[in-house]
Amino acid sequence: RIEAVAQQWAWTFRYPERGGVETCNVLLLPVGTPVDMVVTSKDVIHAFWVPRFAGKIDAVPGRVNRLRIQADEPGRYEGTCDEFCGIGHARMRFVIIVHRPEDFSAALAQARTAPEAKQ
């Protein structure tokens, strides 16, 4: 389970089952594993969308929506907010980095200590 929290104009990804690691605009995923995305917003309606993996789902303040995604190949992918959310909407993109299962824990550990992960 990964929590995706939208806020003008960034995404925060939380990994509560992995020690509470948080990343900003970088979603880390293990390859070949279904992941339940728990999606919400702090301010206005946004939409979480990773075109290569799944459909999109709204991020609505005060509401939690769920979307199951799965990446089948390691690599780097793009995600975006697909709901006009204000003047900075065009910048509300994020990167998805998909790791082999044996590398996923190390990637999360590195994200925990990386200053750019908390921007």
Protein backbone atom coordinates (compact mmCIF):
# COMPACT_ATOMS: atom_id res chain seq x y z
CA ARG A 1 0.00 0.00 0.00
CA ILE A 2 1.24 3.46 -0.93
CA GLU A 3 -0.49 6.73 -0.08
CA ALA A 4 -0.56 9.43 -2.77
CA VAL A 5 -1.36 12.89 -1.42
CA ALA A 6 -1.89 15.69 -3.93
CA GLN A 7 -1.37 19.34 -3.16
CA GLN A 8 -0.97 22.27 -5.55
CA TRP A 9 1.40 21.46 -7.33
CA ALA A 10 3.14 18.32 -6.11
CA TRP A 11 2.58 14.72 -5.06
CA THR A 12 3.74 13.23 -1.78
CA PHE A 13 4.05 9.46 -1.71
CA ARG A 14 4.03 7.71 1.67
CA TYR A 15 4.98 4.10 2.35
CA PRO A 16 3.36 3.41 5.76
CA GLU A 17 4.24 -0.28 5.72
CA ARG A 18 7.89 0.56 5.01
CA GLY A 19 8.68 2.72 8.02
CA GLY A 20 6.83 5.82 6.86
CA VAL A 21 9.22 6.77 4.08
CA GLU A 22 8.00 9.79 2.10
CA THR A 23 9.02 10.98 -1.35
CA CYS A 24 8.06 14.08 -3.28
CA ASN A 25 7.14 13.68 -6.95
CA VAL A 26 8.93 10.30 -7.10
CA LEU A 27 6.91 7.10 -6.80
CA LEU A 28 8.95 3.97 -6.11
CA LEU A 29 7.42 0.64 -7.08
CA PRO A 30 8.50 -3.01 -7.08
CA VAL A 31 8.17 -4.78 -10.42
CA GLY A 32 5.50 -7.47 -10.75
CA THR A 33 3.71 -6.62 -7.51
CA PRO A 34 0.16 -5.25 -7.32
CA VAL A 35 0.15 -2.04 -5.27
CA ASP A 36 -2.92 -0.42 -3.76
CA MET A 37 -2.64 3.34 -4.21
CA VAL A 38 -4.60 5.25 -1.58
CA VAL A 39 -5.24 8.65 -3.17
CA THR A 40 -6.39 11.93 -1.59
CA SER A 41 -5.83 15.68 -1.80
CA LYS A 42 -5.03 18.45 0.66
CA ASP A 43 -6.59 21.30 -1.31
CA VAL A 44 -8.48 20.97 -4.62
CA ILE A 45 -9.50 18.10 -6.91
CA HIS A 46 -6.56 16.49 -8.70
CA ALA A 47 -6.35 13.23 -10.66
CA PHE A 48 -3.66 10.56 -10.21
CA TRP A 49 -2.72 9.02 -13.56
CA VAL A 50 0.07 6.70 -14.66
CA PRO A 51 -0.80 6.01 -18.32
CA ARG A 52 1.46 2.94 -18.62
CA PHE A 53 -0.04 1.07 -15.64
CA ALA A 54 -3.68 1.91 -15.02
CA GLY A 55 -6.55 4.28 -15.46
CA LYS A 56 -6.80 7.47 -13.50
CA ILE A 57 -8.55 8.22 -10.24
CA ASP A 58 -9.57 11.50 -8.63
CA ALA A 59 -7.78 12.90 -5.61
CA VAL A 60 -10.49 14.71 -3.66
CA PRO A 61 -10.07 16.65 -0.40
CA GLY A 62 -11.66 14.79 2.51
CA ARG A 63 -12.10 11.59 0.52
CA VAL A 64 -9.92 8.52 -0.01
CA ASN A 65 -9.99 6.71 -3.34
CA ARG A 66 -8.16 3.50 -4.19
CA LEU A 67 -6.53 2.29 -7.37
CA ARG A 68 -4.55 -0.91 -7.83
CA ILE A 69 -1.57 -0.59 -10.16
CA GLN A 70 1.18 -2.95 -11.24
CA ALA A 71 4.37 -2.34 -13.18
CA ASP A 72 5.51 -5.31 -15.23
CA GLU A 73 8.95 -4.02 -16.26
CA PRO A 74 11.70 -2.22 -14.32
CA GLY A 75 12.37 1.29 -15.54
CA ARG A 76 11.44 4.93 -15.34
CA TYR A 77 7.93 6.11 -16.21
CA GLU A 78 5.93 9.33 -16.06
CA GLY A 79 2.79 10.18 -14.12
CA THR A 80 0.69 13.30 -13.96
CA CYS A 81 -2.26 15.11 -12.50
CA ASP A 82 -4.95 14.77 -15.14
CA GLU A 83 -7.42 17.27 -13.70
CA PHE A 84 -6.93 21.00 -14.16
CA CYS A 85 -6.09 22.13 -10.64
CA GLY A 86 -4.97 25.72 -11.07
CA ILE A 87 -2.29 27.83 -12.71
CA GLY A 88 0.55 25.40 -11.82
CA HIS A 89 -1.24 22.32 -13.17
CA ALA A 90 1.19 21.77 -16.06
CA ARG A 91 4.04 21.30 -13.54
CA MET A 92 2.19 18.66 -11.50
CA ARG A 93 4.02 15.65 -12.85
CA PHE A 94 5.86 12.84 -11.11
CA VAL A 95 8.35 10.14 -11.94
CA ILE A 96 7.79 6.44 -11.27
CA ILE A 97 10.89 4.34 -10.76
CA VAL A 98 10.21 0.62 -10.89
CA HIS A 99 12.78 -1.60 -9.18
CA ARG A 100 13.42 -5.31 -9.23
CA PRO A 101 12.01 -6.82 -6.00
CA GLU A 102 15.49 -7.46 -4.61
CA ASP A 103 16.41 -3.76 -5.09
CA PHE A 104 13.18 -2.19 -3.85
CA SER A 105 14.04 -2.11 -0.12
CA ALA A 106 17.41 -0.50 -0.83
CA ALA A 107 15.72 2.16 -3.01
CA LEU A 108 13.33 3.00 -0.15
CA ALA A 109 16.21 3.16 2.33
CA GLN A 110 18.05 5.54 0.02
CA ALA A 111 14.93 7.68 -0.38
CA ARG A 112 14.63 7.95 3.40
CA THR A 113 17.98 9.71 3.57
CA ALA A 114 17.93 11.65 0.29
CA PRO A 115 17.26 15.39 0.78
CA GLU A 116 15.59 15.67 -2.65
CA ALA A 117 13.02 13.05 -1.61
CA LYS A 118 11.53 15.51 0.87
CA GLN A 119 11.33 18.62 -1.33
